[in-house]
Amino acid sequence: MNDEIRDQLIAAERTFEGSPGTIEEGLDVDDAELVQLRRACRLLEVGSTLLDQGYYTVVIESAFVAIERTIQFRLIHDGAMSPEEVISSHRRLYQRGAEIGLYDDAFGDDLAELWNRNRTKTYYRLGIATKEQAEAMHRLAADVHRHLVDMSRVSHECLCRE
């Protein structure tokens, strides 16, 4: 890499090390559960915009992440997960949602299989994402989000309702 790019890498690293600068509006909350909730809201919003622009691969990716952020929100909200805990396995995250009754085991298994078979395939270009897949994933993510948020005590904190 040339020196200019190396300098940009260092500058990017420093932005993550320093004190917060301009914070994204809507994510300026203290509760870890609300950060996860609102990240999911943003992912759904950007997914909707990108769906209209024909960026299907990114829509599918954002839909999976929105589902996972919403599940993580509920795990923290319901006291089933500490804010500091990291669940790096997608399958384990879906299983934890089933364990606390957000949905049944079969639905959790189906989510994990959907992710395993299709997210990886589209993300790594082993298959080409289609409009129909992106629309279906975006609808699924929006409905899972709405359902899990409506079952919480803080549904008024959802940015999707604005």
Protein backbone atom coordinates (compact mmCIF):
# COMPACT_ATOMS: atom_id res chain seq x y z
CA MET A 1 0.00 0.00 0.00
CA ASN A 2 1.12 3.52 -0.61
CA ASP A 3 1.80 5.98 2.20
CA GLU A 4 -1.45 7.88 1.71
CA ILE A 5 -3.50 4.73 2.23
CA ARG A 6 -1.41 3.74 5.25
CA ASP A 7 -2.07 7.20 6.72
CA GLN A 8 -5.79 6.74 6.11
CA LEU A 9 -5.67 3.40 7.91
CA ILE A 10 -4.03 5.03 10.93
CA ALA A 11 -6.54 7.89 10.84
CA ALA A 12 -9.42 5.40 10.74
CA GLU A 13 -7.98 3.46 13.70
CA ARG A 14 -7.69 6.68 15.72
CA THR A 15 -11.36 7.53 15.19
CA PHE A 16 -12.25 4.31 17.01
CA GLU A 17 -9.76 4.93 19.83
CA GLY A 18 -10.68 8.52 20.70
CA SER A 19 -13.63 9.93 22.57
CA PRO A 20 -16.91 9.94 20.69
CA GLY A 21 -17.40 12.70 18.16
CA THR A 22 -20.69 13.20 16.36
CA ILE A 23 -23.00 10.36 17.37
CA GLU A 24 -25.65 9.01 15.00
CA GLU A 25 -29.01 10.50 15.87
CA GLY A 26 -31.31 7.97 17.45
CA LEU A 27 -28.50 5.80 18.77
CA ASP A 28 -27.54 8.24 21.52
CA VAL A 29 -29.04 6.11 24.28
CA ASP A 30 -27.34 4.66 27.36
CA ASP A 31 -29.10 1.29 27.59
CA ALA A 32 -27.39 -1.50 25.67
CA GLU A 33 -30.75 -3.06 24.88
CA LEU A 34 -31.95 0.13 23.22
CA VAL A 35 -28.77 0.40 21.18
CA GLN A 36 -29.43 -3.09 19.79
CA LEU A 37 -33.10 -2.26 19.18
CA ARG A 38 -32.34 0.94 17.35
CA ARG A 39 -29.54 -0.62 15.30
CA ALA A 40 -32.12 -3.10 14.07
CA CYS A 41 -34.47 -0.21 13.24
CA ARG A 42 -31.74 1.47 11.19
CA LEU A 43 -30.87 -1.75 9.37
CA LEU A 44 -34.51 -2.18 8.38
CA GLU A 45 -34.72 1.43 7.22
CA VAL A 46 -31.57 1.22 5.12
CA GLY A 47 -32.66 -2.17 3.81
CA SER A 48 -35.88 -0.62 2.56
CA THR A 49 -33.99 2.16 0.81
CA LEU A 50 -31.48 -0.20 -0.77
CA LEU A 51 -34.23 -2.59 -1.87
CA ASP A 52 -35.73 0.24 -3.91
CA GLN A 53 -32.31 0.84 -5.48
CA GLY A 54 -31.79 -2.80 -6.42
CA TYR A 55 -28.97 -3.69 -4.02
CA TYR A 56 -30.36 -7.12 -3.16
CA THR A 57 -27.25 -8.71 -1.64
CA VAL A 58 -26.90 -5.92 0.91
CA VAL A 59 -30.64 -6.02 1.67
CA ILE A 60 -30.38 -9.73 2.48
CA GLU A 61 -27.35 -9.10 4.68
CA SER A 62 -29.03 -6.22 6.52
CA ALA A 63 -32.19 -8.29 7.04
CA PHE A 64 -30.26 -11.09 8.75
CA VAL A 65 -28.38 -8.61 10.93
CA ALA A 66 -31.62 -6.77 11.80
CA ILE A 67 -33.15 -10.05 12.97
CA GLU A 68 -30.09 -10.81 15.07
CA ARG A 69 -29.92 -7.31 16.60
CA THR A 70 -33.63 -7.58 17.48
CA ILE A 71 -33.12 -10.97 19.16
CA GLN A 72 -30.12 -9.57 21.02
CA PHE A 73 -32.25 -6.62 22.14
CA ARG A 74 -34.81 -9.00 23.61
CA LEU A 75 -32.18 -11.20 25.26
CA ILE A 76 -30.74 -8.17 27.05
CA HIS A 77 -34.18 -6.67 27.72
CA ASP A 78 -35.43 -9.93 29.26
CA GLY A 79 -32.28 -10.40 31.37
CA ALA A 80 -31.20 -13.50 29.46
CA MET A 81 -27.96 -11.93 28.30
CA SER A 82 -25.62 -9.35 29.76
CA PRO A 83 -24.85 -6.33 27.59
CA GLU A 84 -21.17 -7.30 27.60
CA GLU A 85 -21.78 -10.86 26.42
CA VAL A 86 -20.89 -11.63 22.84
CA ILE A 87 -22.57 -14.47 21.01
CA SER A 88 -20.46 -14.98 17.92
CA SER A 89 -22.37 -17.99 16.64
CA HIS A 90 -25.47 -17.12 14.63
CA ARG A 91 -27.00 -20.54 15.42
CA ARG A 92 -26.38 -20.04 19.15
CA LEU A 93 -28.05 -16.62 19.08
CA TYR A 94 -31.15 -18.09 17.41
CA GLN A 95 -31.15 -20.95 19.96
CA ARG A 96 -30.94 -18.51 22.87
CA GLY A 97 -34.01 -16.71 21.52
CA ALA A 98 -35.90 -20.02 21.54
CA GLU A 99 -34.63 -20.90 25.02
CA ILE A 100 -36.25 -17.81 26.55
CA GLY A 101 -39.49 -18.27 24.61
CA LEU A 102 -39.24 -15.56 21.99
CA TYR A 103 -40.26 -18.28 19.51
CA ASP A 104 -40.28 -22.05 19.48
CA ASP A 105 -37.28 -24.31 18.83
CA ALA A 106 -38.43 -25.15 15.30
CA PHE A 107 -38.54 -21.47 14.32
CA GLY A 108 -35.08 -20.91 15.80
CA ASP A 109 -33.75 -23.91 13.89
CA ASP A 110 -35.37 -22.63 10.69
CA LEU A 111 -33.78 -19.19 11.14
CA ALA A 112 -30.39 -20.80 11.66
CA GLU A 113 -30.81 -22.98 8.58
CA LEU A 114 -31.96 -20.02 6.50
CA TRP A 115 -28.85 -18.13 7.56
CA ASN A 116 -26.56 -21.11 7.06
CA ARG A 117 -27.85 -22.09 3.62
CA ASN A 118 -28.63 -18.72 2.10
CA ARG A 119 -26.85 -15.84 3.77
CA THR A 120 -23.45 -17.36 3.23
CA LYS A 121 -24.36 -18.25 -0.33
CA THR A 122 -25.35 -14.73 -1.34
CA TYR A 123 -22.75 -12.93 0.75
CA TYR A 124 -19.84 -14.81 -0.76
CA ARG A 125 -21.35 -14.74 -4.24
CA LEU A 126 -21.78 -18.48 -4.46
CA GLY A 127 -25.24 -17.52 -5.62
CA ILE A 128 -26.63 -14.27 -6.94
CA ALA A 129 -29.23 -12.49 -4.84
CA THR A 130 -32.57 -11.79 -6.45
CA LYS A 131 -35.20 -9.13 -5.91
CA GLU A 132 -37.63 -11.79 -4.70
CA GLN A 133 -35.16 -13.08 -2.09
CA ALA A 134 -34.38 -9.58 -0.90
CA GLU A 135 -38.08 -8.67 -0.62
CA ALA A 136 -38.85 -11.88 1.28
CA MET A 137 -35.94 -11.40 3.68
CA HIS A 138 -36.82 -7.76 4.28
CA ARG A 139 -40.46 -8.67 5.04
CA LEU A 140 -39.34 -11.46 7.38
CA ALA A 141 -36.93 -9.18 9.23
CA ALA A 142 -39.52 -6.39 9.57
CA ASP A 143 -42.17 -8.80 10.88
CA VAL A 144 -39.80 -10.54 13.33
CA HIS A 145 -38.67 -7.11 14.55
CA ARG A 146 -42.20 -5.79 14.97
CA HIS A 147 -43.37 -8.96 16.75
CA LEU A 148 -40.47 -9.07 19.21
CA VAL A 149 -40.61 -5.33 19.88
CA ASP A 150 -44.38 -5.35 20.42
CA MET A 151 -43.90 -8.06 23.08
CA SER A 152 -41.49 -5.84 25.05
CA ARG A 153 -42.11 -3.13 27.63
CA VAL A 154 -40.22 -0.56 25.57
CA SER A 155 -41.94 -0.76 22.20
CA HIS A 156 -42.23 3.05 22.24
CA GLU A 157 -38.41 3.19 21.88
CA CYS A 158 -38.52 1.63 18.41
CA LEU A 159 -37.47 4.10 15.72
CA CYS A 160 -39.55 2.28 13.10
CA ARG A 161 -42.68 3.83 14.59
CA GLU A 162 -41.64 7.44 13.94
